[in-house]
Amino acid sequence: MEFIKAQIKKYKDDFGGVYKYTTKDGKSCLLRSPDLNILDACRTISGGSSIKFDKALLDNCWLEGDEELRTIDKYQIGLFDWLGGIIQKVDGALEEL
């Protein structure tokens, strides 16, 4: 799937991080980086199920792409492995004083 550069720029302006995922057979999608509200909602919806969490995260961060990535299990399972990469954070260090 081809994505329009102007639309990607708009997504970046609106959401910050934008990521493209592509399968080996050429299916692709654009995902936005989630904020704390999305992560909290996904945790609530999931009730402790990692699969429900991943599905909720995918649904809430989806911008556009091939629908098979959201509807067919084998594509979802492949995409779930990469969802951690769309979460933006700044790492730090903790030290005991």
Protein backbone atom coordinates (compact mmCIF):
# COMPACT_ATOMS: atom_id res chain seq x y z
CA MET A 1 0.00 0.00 0.00
CA GLU A 2 1.27 3.47 -0.88
CA PHE A 3 0.96 6.25 1.66
CA ILE A 4 0.81 9.93 0.76
CA LYS A 5 3.73 11.94 2.18
CA ALA A 6 1.55 14.97 2.89
CA GLN A 7 -0.83 12.79 4.91
CA ILE A 8 2.07 11.27 6.85
CA LYS A 9 3.28 14.79 7.68
CA LYS A 10 -0.19 15.70 8.92
CA TYR A 11 -0.28 12.57 11.10
CA LYS A 12 3.13 13.51 12.54
CA ASP A 13 1.92 17.03 13.27
CA ASP A 14 -1.23 15.69 14.93
CA PHE A 15 0.16 12.70 16.83
CA GLY A 16 3.95 12.95 17.02
CA GLY A 17 5.34 9.51 16.25
CA VAL A 18 4.12 7.74 13.12
CA TYR A 19 5.31 4.26 12.17
CA LYS A 20 4.99 2.12 9.07
CA TYR A 21 4.71 -1.65 9.44
CA THR A 22 5.16 -3.88 6.38
CA THR A 23 4.74 -7.64 6.11
CA LYS A 24 6.94 -9.90 4.00
CA ASP A 25 4.09 -10.22 1.49
CA GLY A 26 3.73 -6.45 1.11
CA LYS A 27 0.78 -5.56 3.33
CA SER A 28 1.39 -2.38 5.31
CA CYS A 29 -0.15 0.11 7.69
CA LEU A 30 0.58 3.33 9.51
CA LEU A 31 0.34 3.51 13.28
CA ARG A 32 0.55 6.44 15.65
CA SER A 33 2.36 6.48 18.94
CA PRO A 34 -0.08 6.06 21.85
CA ASP A 35 -0.39 8.55 24.68
CA LEU A 36 -1.04 7.66 28.32
CA ASN A 37 -4.82 7.84 27.84
CA ILE A 38 -4.69 5.21 25.10
CA LEU A 39 -2.37 2.96 27.12
CA ASP A 40 -4.62 3.26 30.18
CA ALA A 41 -7.75 2.47 28.13
CA CYS A 42 -6.04 -0.56 26.58
CA ARG A 43 -5.04 -1.84 30.00
CA THR A 44 -8.62 -1.40 31.27
CA ILE A 45 -10.15 -3.07 28.21
CA SER A 46 -7.73 -5.99 28.29
CA GLY A 47 -8.51 -7.16 31.80
CA GLY A 48 -5.02 -8.66 31.98
CA SER A 49 -5.11 -10.39 28.58
CA SER A 50 -2.07 -9.51 26.49
CA ILE A 51 -3.93 -10.34 23.27
CA LYS A 52 -6.84 -8.05 24.16
CA PHE A 53 -4.32 -5.34 25.08
CA ASP A 54 -2.55 -5.68 21.73
CA LYS A 55 -5.85 -5.64 19.81
CA ALA A 56 -6.99 -2.52 21.67
CA LEU A 57 -3.62 -0.83 21.10
CA LEU A 58 -3.75 -1.67 17.40
CA ASP A 59 -7.31 -0.35 17.07
CA ASN A 60 -6.50 2.88 18.93
CA CYS A 61 -3.22 3.60 17.11
CA TRP A 62 -4.31 2.59 13.59
CA LEU A 63 -4.17 5.40 11.06
CA GLU A 64 -4.57 3.63 7.72
CA GLY A 65 -3.49 0.57 5.82
CA ASP A 66 -4.39 -2.90 4.61
CA GLU A 67 -7.38 -4.10 6.64
CA GLU A 68 -6.06 -7.68 6.72
CA LEU A 69 -3.56 -6.50 9.33
CA ARG A 70 -6.46 -5.77 11.68
CA THR A 71 -8.78 -8.63 10.76
CA ILE A 72 -6.77 -11.77 9.98
CA ASP A 73 -5.16 -13.56 12.92
CA LYS A 74 -1.84 -14.44 11.26
CA TYR A 75 -1.27 -10.79 10.32
CA GLN A 76 -2.33 -9.52 13.75
CA ILE A 77 0.02 -11.94 15.53
CA GLY A 78 2.92 -10.78 13.37
CA LEU A 79 2.14 -7.12 14.00
CA PHE A 80 1.69 -7.61 17.76
CA ASP A 81 5.41 -8.45 18.03
CA TRP A 82 6.25 -4.90 16.92
CA LEU A 83 3.70 -2.85 18.88
CA GLY A 84 6.11 -2.10 21.72
CA GLY A 85 8.16 -0.10 19.24
CA ILE A 86 5.45 2.52 18.74
CA ILE A 87 5.43 3.52 22.41
CA GLN A 88 7.61 6.60 22.78
CA LYS A 89 9.41 7.10 26.04
CA VAL A 90 12.56 8.64 27.41
CA ASP A 91 14.63 6.26 29.50
CA GLY A 92 16.41 7.40 32.60
CA ALA A 93 18.31 5.98 35.52
CA LEU A 94 17.31 5.58 39.15
CA GLU A 95 19.86 5.75 41.91
CA GLU A 96 19.49 5.28 45.59
CA LEU A 97 20.66 8.27 47.61
